[in-house]
């Protein structure tokens, strides 16, 4: 059981304040639909690549990109299944938890764990932690960091942590990936989190988590500023075939969705051809993937 004990040190206060200021600035910064979808897709890959490296999975960036762009109902290996489960967990958090006013409960953690394919942990203990984190005015970053530390080394650590950030709009429209920071600073991350796991005081971990937040939010800010300083260019459709352009036109109505089978029937093409068209639109940041296997469907970003 994680002992939740920390001090609001000067360093921690400074990093929380910096993260809050950067977050406010980014949320007020306009971004084109193409920029939004591109940053969200890049964050998805960073989530997956960071987790794979941190957990020593034998996966390259190219292999992960290939896996998340496949649309078969059956996975070819347990490793492929892990990647798809992680992606589906990200989709769950992004679909249901942005600015969600509800409380995070054990039922929430259990649902997320089911999608991810892991054990959610003992109900009484997990619920006790959630009650503590959601009583009073606990800063969302402290909520996220504490949840991360509690569930480590389970994959749930990254996803529950993200859920708390998403709930309070600290995931920045789905653009934030802390796994990317942990992976690039792997030795520091492992040292601090392992030390904090066995410590009665989690202040060091919270300070380090705050540093990660400031670093990643600053990174997003730099990207947005560079795009704002570049003349606006409408997204080109020259890379798309006529059928792919028609698929996008079928999704112009708000909340419209499409599936592989619908593409097959609409254009009289094979499952493989439909998969390639959808994969290309996803890779270009034009479609967003929901679900998995036969229940997979796509919406326009």
C-alpha atoms as a PDB file:
ATOM      1  CA  UNK A   1       0.000   0.000   0.000  1.00  0.00           C
ATOM      2  CA  UNK A   2       1.373   3.396  -1.005  1.00  0.00           C
ATOM      3  CA  UNK A   3       1.785   5.811   1.880  1.00  0.00           C
ATOM      4  CA  UNK A   4       0.525   9.175   0.677  1.00  0.00           C
ATOM      5  CA  UNK A   5       2.710  11.699   2.439  1.00  0.00           C
ATOM      6  CA  UNK A   6       4.357  14.734   0.876  1.00  0.00           C
ATOM      7  CA  UNK A   7       5.356  18.343   1.457  1.00  0.00           C
ATOM      8  CA  UNK A   8       4.381  21.293  -0.719  1.00  0.00           C
ATOM      9  CA  UNK A   9       8.014  22.279  -1.124  1.00  0.00           C
ATOM     10  CA  UNK A  10       9.087  25.487  -2.823  1.00  0.00           C
ATOM     11  CA  UNK A  11      10.262  23.451  -5.816  1.00  0.00           C
ATOM     12  CA  UNK A  12       6.937  21.632  -6.119  1.00  0.00           C
ATOM     13  CA  UNK A  13       4.920  24.850  -5.804  1.00  0.00           C
ATOM     14  CA  UNK A  14       7.058  26.509  -8.469  1.00  0.00           C
ATOM     15  CA  UNK A  15       6.607  23.646 -10.925  1.00  0.00           C
ATOM     16  CA  UNK A  16       2.850  23.418 -10.342  1.00  0.00           C
ATOM     17  CA  UNK A  17       2.495  27.158 -10.904  1.00  0.00           C
ATOM     18  CA  UNK A  18       4.610  26.999 -14.069  1.00  0.00           C
ATOM     19  CA  UNK A  19       2.586  24.077 -15.426  1.00  0.00           C
ATOM     20  CA  UNK A  20      -0.672  25.912 -14.667  1.00  0.00           C
ATOM     21  CA  UNK A  21       0.495  29.066 -16.451  1.00  0.00           C
ATOM     22  CA  UNK A  22       1.684  27.153 -19.531  1.00  0.00           C
ATOM     23  CA  UNK A  23      -1.514  25.094 -19.628  1.00  0.00           C
ATOM     24  CA  UNK A  24      -3.687  28.209 -19.550  1.00  0.00           C
ATOM     25  CA  UNK A  25      -1.698  29.774 -22.372  1.00  0.00           C
ATOM     26  CA  UNK A  26      -1.911  26.667 -24.568  1.00  0.00           C
ATOM     27  CA  UNK A  27      -5.648  26.175 -24.023  1.00  0.00           C
ATOM     28  CA  UNK A  28      -6.186  29.761 -25.186  1.00  0.00           C
ATOM     29  CA  UNK A  29      -4.000  29.310 -28.267  1.00  0.00           C
ATOM     30  CA  UNK A  30      -5.932  28.591 -31.496  1.00  0.00           C
ATOM     31  CA  UNK A  31      -4.884  25.573 -33.522  1.00  0.00           C
ATOM     32  CA  UNK A  32      -6.053  24.381 -36.911  1.00  0.00           C
ATOM     33  CA  UNK A  33      -7.804  21.006 -37.203  1.00  0.00           C
ATOM     34  CA  UNK A  34      -4.724  19.639 -38.970  1.00  0.00           C
ATOM     35  CA  UNK A  35      -2.432  20.811 -36.162  1.00  0.00           C
ATOM     36  CA  UNK A  36      -4.754  19.329 -33.537  1.00  0.00           C
ATOM     37  CA  UNK A  37      -4.984  15.949 -35.242  1.00  0.00           C
ATOM     38  CA  UNK A  38      -1.254  15.846 -35.987  1.00  0.00           C
ATOM     39  CA  UNK A  39      -0.291  16.587 -32.376  1.00  0.00           C
ATOM     40  CA  UNK A  40      -2.811  14.039 -31.103  1.00  0.00           C
ATOM     41  CA  UNK A  41      -1.471  11.341 -33.427  1.00  0.00           C
ATOM     42  CA  UNK A  42       2.123  12.129 -32.484  1.00  0.00           C
ATOM     43  CA  UNK A  43       1.164  11.924 -28.798  1.00  0.00           C
ATOM     44  CA  UNK A  44      -0.466   8.528 -29.381  1.00  0.00           C
ATOM     45  CA  UNK A  45       2.722   7.156 -30.910  1.00  0.00           C
ATOM     46  CA  UNK A  46       4.810   8.747 -28.124  1.00  0.00           C
ATOM     47  CA  UNK A  47       2.580   7.102 -25.496  1.00  0.00           C
ATOM     48  CA  UNK A  48       3.046   3.707 -27.125  1.00  0.00           C
ATOM     49  CA  UNK A  49       6.751   4.013 -27.900  1.00  0.00           C
ATOM     50  CA  UNK A  50       7.520   5.335 -24.424  1.00  0.00           C
ATOM     51  CA  UNK A  51       5.618   2.542 -22.698  1.00  0.00           C
ATOM     52  CA  UNK A  52       7.242  -0.103 -24.926  1.00  0.00           C
ATOM     53  CA  UNK A  53      10.744   1.138 -24.148  1.00  0.00           C
ATOM     54  CA  UNK A  54      10.121   1.580 -20.412  1.00  0.00           C
ATOM     55  CA  UNK A  55       8.736  -1.943 -20.132  1.00  0.00           C
ATOM     56  CA  UNK A  56      11.540  -3.374 -22.328  1.00  0.00           C
ATOM     57  CA  UNK A  57       9.193  -4.599 -25.043  1.00  0.00           C
ATOM     58  CA  UNK A  58      10.991  -5.681 -28.273  1.00  0.00           C
ATOM     59  CA  UNK A  59       9.211  -3.080 -30.394  1.00  0.00           C
ATOM     60  CA  UNK A  60      10.556  -0.397 -32.715  1.00  0.00           C
ATOM     61  CA  UNK A  61       8.819   2.846 -33.623  1.00  0.00           C
ATOM     62  CA  UNK A  62       8.116   1.445 -37.108  1.00  0.00           C
ATOM     63  CA  UNK A  63       6.623  -1.781 -35.758  1.00  0.00           C
ATOM     64  CA  UNK A  64       4.342   0.140 -33.384  1.00  0.00           C
ATOM     65  CA  UNK A  65       3.200   2.410 -36.192  1.00  0.00           C
ATOM     66  CA  UNK A  66       2.454  -0.644 -38.305  1.00  0.00           C
ATOM     67  CA  UNK A  67       0.477  -2.332 -35.525  1.00  0.00           C
ATOM     68  CA  UNK A  68      -1.768   0.645 -34.758  1.00  0.00           C
ATOM     69  CA  UNK A  69      -2.550   1.013 -38.454  1.00  0.00           C
ATOM     70  CA  UNK A  70      -3.769  -2.554 -38.860  1.00  0.00           C
ATOM     71  CA  UNK A  71      -7.442  -3.290 -38.746  1.00  0.00           C
ATOM     72  CA  UNK A  72      -7.702  -7.067 -38.548  1.00  0.00           C
ATOM     73  CA  UNK A  73     -10.104  -8.645 -36.094  1.00  0.00           C
ATOM     74  CA  UNK A  74      -7.454 -11.052 -34.846  1.00  0.00           C
ATOM     75  CA  UNK A  75      -4.069 -10.098 -33.443  1.00  0.00           C
ATOM     76  CA  UNK A  76      -1.031 -12.061 -34.534  1.00  0.00           C
ATOM     77  CA  UNK A  77       0.782 -12.190 -31.192  1.00  0.00           C
ATOM     78  CA  UNK A  78       0.453 -11.347 -27.484  1.00  0.00           C
ATOM     79  CA  UNK A  79       2.844  -8.424 -28.023  1.00  0.00           C
ATOM     80  CA  UNK A  80       0.665  -7.007 -30.786  1.00  0.00           C
ATOM     81  CA  UNK A  81      -2.343  -7.404 -28.496  1.00  0.00           C
ATOM     82  CA  UNK A  82      -0.586  -5.392 -25.770  1.00  0.00           C
ATOM     83  CA  UNK A  83       0.006  -2.504 -28.174  1.00  0.00           C
ATOM     84  CA  UNK A  84      -3.601  -2.510 -29.367  1.00  0.00           C
ATOM     85  CA  UNK A  85      -4.913  -2.766 -25.803  1.00  0.00           C
ATOM     86  CA  UNK A  86      -2.789   0.233 -24.833  1.00  0.00           C
ATOM     87  CA  UNK A  87      -4.083   2.209 -27.810  1.00  0.00           C
ATOM     88  CA  UNK A  88      -7.670   1.268 -26.978  1.00  0.00           C
ATOM     89  CA  UNK A  89      -7.098   2.398 -23.391  1.00  0.00           C
ATOM     90  CA  UNK A  90      -5.887   5.767 -24.677  1.00  0.00           C
ATOM     91  CA  UNK A  91      -9.030   6.012 -26.804  1.00  0.00           C
ATOM     92  CA  UNK A  92     -11.194   5.216 -23.765  1.00  0.00           C
ATOM     93  CA  UNK A  93      -9.580   7.972 -21.698  1.00  0.00           C
ATOM     94  CA  UNK A  94      -9.826  10.506 -24.538  1.00  0.00           C
ATOM     95  CA  UNK A  95     -13.447   9.662 -25.342  1.00  0.00           C
ATOM     96  CA  UNK A  96     -14.962   9.549 -21.862  1.00  0.00           C
ATOM     97  CA  UNK A  97     -12.803  11.594 -19.486  1.00  0.00           C
ATOM     98  CA  UNK A  98     -12.103  15.078 -20.925  1.00  0.00           C
ATOM     99  CA  UNK A  99     -13.531  17.514 -18.344  1.00  0.00           C
ATOM    100  CA  UNK A 100     -15.626  14.663 -16.907  1.00  0.00           C
ATOM    101  CA  UNK A 101     -17.343  15.948 -13.719  1.00  0.00           C
ATOM    102  CA  UNK A 102     -17.752  12.457 -12.283  1.00  0.00           C
ATOM    103  CA  UNK A 103     -15.510  10.904  -9.667  1.00  0.00           C
ATOM    104  CA  UNK A 104     -12.929   8.298 -10.587  1.00  0.00           C
ATOM    105  CA  UNK A 105     -14.017   5.111  -8.819  1.00  0.00           C
ATOM    106  CA  UNK A 106     -12.781   1.552  -8.581  1.00  0.00           C
ATOM    107  CA  UNK A 107     -15.328   0.687 -11.294  1.00  0.00           C
ATOM    108  CA  UNK A 108     -13.534   3.184 -13.549  1.00  0.00           C
ATOM    109  CA  UNK A 109     -10.155   1.629 -12.826  1.00  0.00           C
ATOM    110  CA  UNK A 110     -11.582  -1.857 -13.364  1.00  0.00           C
ATOM    111  CA  UNK A 111     -13.005  -0.883 -16.764  1.00  0.00           C
ATOM    112  CA  UNK A 112      -9.697   0.637 -17.819  1.00  0.00           C
ATOM    113  CA  UNK A 113      -7.816  -2.412 -16.552  1.00  0.00           C
ATOM    114  CA  UNK A 114     -10.135  -4.701 -18.519  1.00  0.00           C
ATOM    115  CA  UNK A 115      -9.419  -2.837 -21.754  1.00  0.00           C
ATOM    116  CA  UNK A 116      -5.716  -2.871 -20.953  1.00  0.00           C
ATOM    117  CA  UNK A 117      -5.737  -6.551 -19.974  1.00  0.00           C
ATOM    118  CA  UNK A 118      -4.278  -6.167 -16.472  1.00  0.00           C
ATOM    119  CA  UNK A 119      -5.331  -6.653 -12.847  1.00  0.00           C
ATOM    120  CA  UNK A 120      -6.875  -3.487 -11.303  1.00  0.00           C
ATOM    121  CA  UNK A 121      -5.638  -4.341  -7.810  1.00  0.00           C
ATOM    122  CA  UNK A 122      -7.525  -4.793  -4.515  1.00  0.00           C
ATOM    123  CA  UNK A 123     -10.819  -2.882  -4.583  1.00  0.00           C
ATOM    124  CA  UNK A 124     -10.760  -1.609  -0.996  1.00  0.00           C
ATOM    125  CA  UNK A 125      -7.193  -0.328  -1.269  1.00  0.00           C
ATOM    126  CA  UNK A 126      -7.661   1.301  -4.672  1.00  0.00           C
ATOM    127  CA  UNK A 127     -10.917   2.962  -3.652  1.00  0.00           C
ATOM    128  CA  UNK A 128      -9.294   4.277  -0.483  1.00  0.00           C
ATOM    129  CA  UNK A 129      -6.582   5.946  -2.559  1.00  0.00           C
ATOM    130  CA  UNK A 130      -9.144   7.412  -4.968  1.00  0.00           C
ATOM    131  CA  UNK A 131     -11.216   8.785  -2.098  1.00  0.00           C
ATOM    132  CA  UNK A 132      -8.136  10.461  -0.652  1.00  0.00           C
ATOM    133  CA  UNK A 133      -7.108  12.002  -3.975  1.00  0.00           C
ATOM    134  CA  UNK A 134     -10.584  13.359  -4.665  1.00  0.00           C
ATOM    135  CA  UNK A 135     -11.312  14.805  -1.246  1.00  0.00           C
ATOM    136  CA  UNK A 136     -10.511  18.465  -0.774  1.00  0.00           C
ATOM    137  CA  UNK A 137      -8.420  20.536  -3.162  1.00  0.00           C
ATOM    138  CA  UNK A 138      -5.696  18.148  -4.323  1.00  0.00           C
ATOM    139  CA  UNK A 139      -3.993  19.577  -7.410  1.00  0.00           C
ATOM    140  CA  UNK A 140      -4.694  17.490 -10.558  1.00  0.00           C
ATOM    141  CA  UNK A 141      -0.963  17.029 -11.176  1.00  0.00           C
ATOM    142  CA  UNK A 142      -0.522  15.662  -7.642  1.00  0.00           C
ATOM    143  CA  UNK A 143      -3.527  13.376  -8.203  1.00  0.00           C
ATOM    144  CA  UNK A 144      -1.976  12.124 -11.431  1.00  0.00           C
ATOM    145  CA  UNK A 145       1.503  11.681  -9.983  1.00  0.00           C
ATOM    146  CA  UNK A 146       0.245   9.832  -6.907  1.00  0.00           C
ATOM    147  CA  UNK A 147      -1.885   7.480  -9.011  1.00  0.00           C
ATOM    148  CA  UNK A 148       1.115   6.812 -11.250  1.00  0.00           C
ATOM    149  CA  UNK A 149       3.286   5.926  -8.273  1.00  0.00           C
ATOM    150  CA  UNK A 150       0.627   3.704  -6.711  1.00  0.00           C
ATOM    151  CA  UNK A 151       0.021   1.564  -9.811  1.00  0.00           C
ATOM    152  CA  UNK A 152       3.680   1.356 -10.892  1.00  0.00           C
ATOM    153  CA  UNK A 153       5.034  -0.896 -12.437  1.00  0.00           C
ATOM    154  CA  UNK A 154       1.703  -1.944 -13.977  1.00  0.00           C
ATOM    155  CA  UNK A 155       0.725  -0.443 -17.317  1.00  0.00           C
ATOM    156  CA  UNK A 156      -2.158   1.070 -15.382  1.00  0.00           C
ATOM    157  CA  UNK A 157       0.315   3.567 -13.898  1.00  0.00           C
ATOM    158  CA  UNK A 158       0.536   5.479 -17.181  1.00  0.00           C
ATOM    159  CA  UNK A 159      -3.157   5.272 -18.068  1.00  0.00           C
ATOM    160  CA  UNK A 160      -4.692   6.115 -14.683  1.00  0.00           C
ATOM    161  CA  UNK A 161      -2.233   8.983 -14.424  1.00  0.00           C
ATOM    162  CA  UNK A 162      -3.359  10.230 -17.847  1.00  0.00           C
ATOM    163  CA  UNK A 163      -7.010   9.814 -16.870  1.00  0.00           C
ATOM    164  CA  UNK A 164      -6.644  12.267 -13.989  1.00  0.00           C
ATOM    165  CA  UNK A 165      -4.866  14.753 -16.260  1.00  0.00           C
ATOM    166  CA  UNK A 166      -7.537  14.391 -18.940  1.00  0.00           C
ATOM    167  CA  UNK A 167     -10.344  14.834 -16.423  1.00  0.00           C
ATOM    168  CA  UNK A 168      -8.956  18.260 -15.509  1.00  0.00           C
ATOM    169  CA  UNK A 169      -7.838  19.285 -19.024  1.00  0.00           C
ATOM    170  CA  UNK A 170      -4.147  18.880 -18.248  1.00  0.00           C
ATOM    171  CA  UNK A 171      -3.636  16.477 -21.171  1.00  0.00           C
ATOM    172  CA  UNK A 172      -3.977  19.516 -23.451  1.00  0.00           C
ATOM    173  CA  UNK A 173      -6.502  18.224 -26.002  1.00  0.00           C
ATOM    174  CA  UNK A 174      -4.775  14.848 -26.137  1.00  0.00           C
ATOM    175  CA  UNK A 175      -1.385  16.309 -27.091  1.00  0.00           C
ATOM    176  CA  UNK A 176       0.511  15.447 -23.892  1.00  0.00           C
ATOM    177  CA  UNK A 177       2.640  12.315 -23.486  1.00  0.00           C
ATOM    178  CA  UNK A 178       4.579  11.864 -20.264  1.00  0.00           C
ATOM    179  CA  UNK A 179       5.782   8.440 -21.428  1.00  0.00           C
ATOM    180  CA  UNK A 180       7.867  10.349 -23.954  1.00  0.00           C
ATOM    181  CA  UNK A 181       9.607  12.256 -21.144  1.00  0.00           C
ATOM    182  CA  UNK A 182      10.087   9.155 -18.975  1.00  0.00           C
ATOM    183  CA  UNK A 183      11.575   7.278 -21.918  1.00  0.00           C
ATOM    184  CA  UNK A 184      14.029  10.038 -22.844  1.00  0.00           C
ATOM    185  CA  UNK A 185      15.106  10.277 -19.190  1.00  0.00           C
ATOM    186  CA  UNK A 186      14.761   6.576 -18.439  1.00  0.00           C
ATOM    187  CA  UNK A 187      17.542   6.155 -15.865  1.00  0.00           C
ATOM    188  CA  UNK A 188      16.406   9.211 -13.870  1.00  0.00           C
ATOM    189  CA  UNK A 189      12.782   8.100 -14.037  1.00  0.00           C
ATOM    190  CA  UNK A 190      13.532   4.591 -12.789  1.00  0.00           C
ATOM    191  CA  UNK A 191      15.784   5.854 -10.031  1.00  0.00           C
ATOM    192  CA  UNK A 192      13.294   8.404  -8.685  1.00  0.00           C
ATOM    193  CA  UNK A 193      10.189   6.233  -8.927  1.00  0.00           C
ATOM    194  CA  UNK A 194      11.844   3.183  -7.383  1.00  0.00           C
ATOM    195  CA  UNK A 195      13.262   5.297  -4.574  1.00  0.00           C
ATOM    196  CA  UNK A 196       9.874   6.918  -3.958  1.00  0.00           C
ATOM    197  CA  UNK A 197       8.039   3.589  -4.024  1.00  0.00           C
ATOM    198  CA  UNK A 198       9.989   2.528  -0.944  1.00  0.00           C
ATOM    199  CA  UNK A 199       9.853   5.917   0.801  1.00  0.00           C
ATOM    200  CA  UNK A 200       7.333   7.178   3.327  1.00  0.00           C
ATOM    201  CA  UNK A 201       7.434  10.595   1.656  1.00  0.00           C
ATOM    202  CA  UNK A 202       6.627  11.140  -2.032  1.00  0.00           C
ATOM    203  CA  UNK A 203       7.761  14.766  -2.361  1.00  0.00           C
ATOM    204  CA  UNK A 204      10.774  13.894  -4.540  1.00  0.00           C
ATOM    205  CA  UNK A 205       8.557  11.990  -6.956  1.00  0.00           C
ATOM    206  CA  UNK A 206       5.997  14.818  -7.106  1.00  0.00           C
ATOM    207  CA  UNK A 207       8.749  17.331  -7.850  1.00  0.00           C
ATOM    208  CA  UNK A 208      10.098  15.114 -10.627  1.00  0.00           C
ATOM    209  CA  UNK A 209       6.595  14.594 -12.037  1.00  0.00           C
ATOM    210  CA  UNK A 210       6.085  18.362 -11.989  1.00  0.00           C
ATOM    211  CA  UNK A 211       9.329  18.782 -13.918  1.00  0.00           C
ATOM    212  CA  UNK A 212       8.055  16.307 -16.534  1.00  0.00           C
ATOM    213  CA  UNK A 213       4.793  18.241 -16.879  1.00  0.00           C
ATOM    214  CA  UNK A 214       6.565  21.573 -17.337  1.00  0.00           C
ATOM    215  CA  UNK A 215       8.977  20.049 -19.869  1.00  0.00           C
ATOM    216  CA  UNK A 216       6.258  18.431 -21.997  1.00  0.00           C
ATOM    217  CA  UNK A 217       3.868  21.381 -21.855  1.00  0.00           C
ATOM    218  CA  UNK A 218       6.727  23.703 -22.868  1.00  0.00           C
ATOM    219  CA  UNK A 219       7.449  21.383 -25.776  1.00  0.00           C
ATOM    220  CA  UNK A 220       3.842  21.660 -26.961  1.00  0.00           C
ATOM    221  CA  UNK A 221       3.945  25.424 -26.555  1.00  0.00           C
ATOM    222  CA  UNK A 222       7.052  25.627 -28.768  1.00  0.00           C
ATOM    223  CA  UNK A 223       5.367  23.554 -31.476  1.00  0.00           C
ATOM    224  CA  UNK A 224       2.251  25.734 -31.409  1.00  0.00           C
ATOM    225  CA  UNK A 225       4.297  28.941 -31.532  1.00  0.00           C
ATOM    226  CA  UNK A 226       6.294  27.687 -34.506  1.00  0.00           C
ATOM    227  CA  UNK A 227       3.123  26.790 -36.366  1.00  0.00           C
ATOM    228  CA  UNK A 228       1.549  30.150 -35.588  1.00  0.00           C
ATOM    229  CA  UNK A 229       4.604  31.908 -37.024  1.00  0.00           C
ATOM    230  CA  UNK A 230       4.294  29.911 -40.263  1.00  0.00           C
ATOM    231  CA  UNK A 231       1.799  31.087 -42.904  1.00  0.00           C
ATOM    232  CA  UNK A 232      -1.393  29.054 -42.691  1.00  0.00           C
ATOM    233  CA  UNK A 233      -1.706  26.438 -45.393  1.00  0.00           C
ATOM    234  CA  UNK A 234      -4.835  24.453 -46.074  1.00  0.00           C
ATOM    235  CA  UNK A 235      -4.348  20.689 -45.816  1.00  0.00           C
ATOM    236  CA  UNK A 236      -3.524  19.255 -49.210  1.00  0.00           C
ATOM    237  CA  UNK A 237      -5.622  16.490 -50.682  1.00  0.00           C
ATOM    238  CA  UNK A 238      -3.112  15.729 -53.444  1.00  0.00           C
ATOM    239  CA  UNK A 239      -1.770  12.778 -51.451  1.00  0.00           C
ATOM    240  CA  UNK A 240      -5.229  11.219 -51.385  1.00  0.00           C
ATOM    241  CA  UNK A 241      -6.821   9.059 -54.022  1.00  0.00           C
ATOM    242  CA  UNK A 242     -10.357   9.770 -55.245  1.00  0.00           C
ATOM    243  CA  UNK A 243     -11.798   6.982 -53.096  1.00  0.00           C
ATOM    244  CA  UNK A 244     -10.027   8.280 -49.987  1.00  0.00           C
ATOM    245  CA  UNK A 245     -11.366  11.794 -50.667  1.00  0.00           C
ATOM    246  CA  UNK A 246     -14.866  10.340 -50.979  1.00  0.00           C
ATOM    247  CA  UNK A 247     -14.444   8.520 -47.653  1.00  0.00           C
ATOM    248  CA  UNK A 248     -13.690  11.868 -46.012  1.00  0.00           C
ATOM    249  CA  UNK A 249     -16.709  13.452 -47.701  1.00  0.00           C
ATOM    250  CA  UNK A 250     -18.902  10.695 -46.210  1.00  0.00           C
ATOM    251  CA  UNK A 251     -17.815  11.891 -42.773  1.00  0.00           C
ATOM    252  CA  UNK A 252     -18.548  15.608 -43.155  1.00  0.00           C
ATOM    253  CA  UNK A 253     -21.733  15.359 -41.092  1.00  0.00           C
ATOM    254  CA  UNK A 254     -21.022  15.915 -37.359  1.00  0.00           C
ATOM    255  CA  UNK A 255     -20.753  12.652 -35.402  1.00  0.00           C
ATOM    256  CA  UNK A 256     -20.708  10.596 -38.610  1.00  0.00           C
ATOM    257  CA  UNK A 257     -18.676   7.386 -38.480  1.00  0.00           C
ATOM    258  CA  UNK A 258     -17.554   4.696 -40.896  1.00  0.00           C
ATOM    259  CA  UNK A 259     -16.300   1.119 -40.726  1.00  0.00           C
ATOM    260  CA  UNK A 260     -14.220  -1.159 -42.912  1.00  0.00           C
ATOM    261  CA  UNK A 261     -17.337  -3.033 -44.040  1.00  0.00           C
ATOM    262  CA  UNK A 262     -19.081   0.204 -45.009  1.00  0.00           C
ATOM    263  CA  UNK A 263     -16.096   1.168 -47.178  1.00  0.00           C
ATOM    264  CA  UNK A 264     -16.088  -2.273 -48.801  1.00  0.00           C
ATOM    265  CA  UNK A 265     -19.787  -2.054 -49.661  1.00  0.00           C
ATOM    266  CA  UNK A 266     -19.742   1.599 -50.722  1.00  0.00           C
ATOM    267  CA  UNK A 267     -16.878   1.201 -53.177  1.00  0.00           C
ATOM    268  CA  UNK A 268     -17.082  -2.519 -53.982  1.00  0.00           C
ATOM    269  CA  UNK A 269     -13.516  -3.164 -52.792  1.00  0.00           C
ATOM    270  CA  UNK A 270     -11.870  -5.913 -50.760  1.00  0.00           C
ATOM    271  CA  UNK A 271     -11.278  -5.842 -47.004  1.00  0.00           C
ATOM    272  CA  UNK A 272      -7.552  -5.338 -47.597  1.00  0.00           C
ATOM    273  CA  UNK A 273      -8.114  -2.370 -49.931  1.00  0.00           C
ATOM    274  CA  UNK A 274     -10.536  -0.775 -47.463  1.00  0.00           C
ATOM    275  CA  UNK A 275      -7.998  -1.296 -44.666  1.00  0.00           C
ATOM    276  CA  UNK A 276      -5.262   0.396 -46.703  1.00  0.00           C
ATOM    277  CA  UNK A 277      -7.468   3.417 -47.429  1.00  0.00           C
ATOM    278  CA  UNK A 278      -8.446   3.791 -43.783  1.00  0.00           C
ATOM    279  CA  UNK A 279      -4.869   3.248 -42.601  1.00  0.00           C
ATOM    280  CA  UNK A 280      -3.611   5.990 -44.886  1.00  0.00           C
ATOM    281  CA  UNK A 281      -6.243   8.443 -43.662  1.00  0.00           C
ATOM    282  CA  UNK A 282      -5.361   7.617 -40.056  1.00  0.00           C
ATOM    283  CA  UNK A 283      -1.619   8.009 -40.669  1.00  0.00           C
ATOM    284  CA  UNK A 284      -2.220  11.417 -42.282  1.00  0.00           C
ATOM    285  CA  UNK A 285      -4.171  12.515 -39.228  1.00  0.00           C
ATOM    286  CA  UNK A 286      -7.488  12.727 -41.100  1.00  0.00           C
ATOM    287  CA  UNK A 287      -9.335   9.959 -39.226  1.00  0.00           C
ATOM    288  CA  UNK A 288      -9.495   8.900 -35.584  1.00  0.00           C
ATOM    289  CA  UNK A 289      -9.757   5.194 -34.658  1.00  0.00           C
ATOM    290  CA  UNK A 290     -12.292   3.933 -32.122  1.00  0.00           C
ATOM    291  CA  UNK A 291     -12.703   0.412 -30.728  1.00  0.00           C
ATOM    292  CA  UNK A 292     -10.914  -2.706 -31.909  1.00  0.00           C
ATOM    293  CA  UNK A 293     -11.459  -5.848 -33.987  1.00  0.00           C
ATOM    294  CA  UNK A 294     -14.868  -6.110 -35.627  1.00  0.00           C
ATOM    295  CA  UNK A 295     -16.169  -3.168 -33.588  1.00  0.00           C
ATOM    296  CA  UNK A 296     -13.545  -0.762 -35.012  1.00  0.00           C
ATOM    297  CA  UNK A 297     -14.962   2.398 -36.536  1.00  0.00           C
ATOM    298  CA  UNK A 298     -13.580   5.769 -37.636  1.00  0.00           C
ATOM    299  CA  UNK A 299     -14.557   9.410 -37.290  1.00  0.00           C
ATOM    300  CA  UNK A 300     -13.172  12.510 -38.902  1.00  0.00           C
ATOM    301  CA  UNK A 301     -10.809  14.551 -36.743  1.00  0.00           C
END
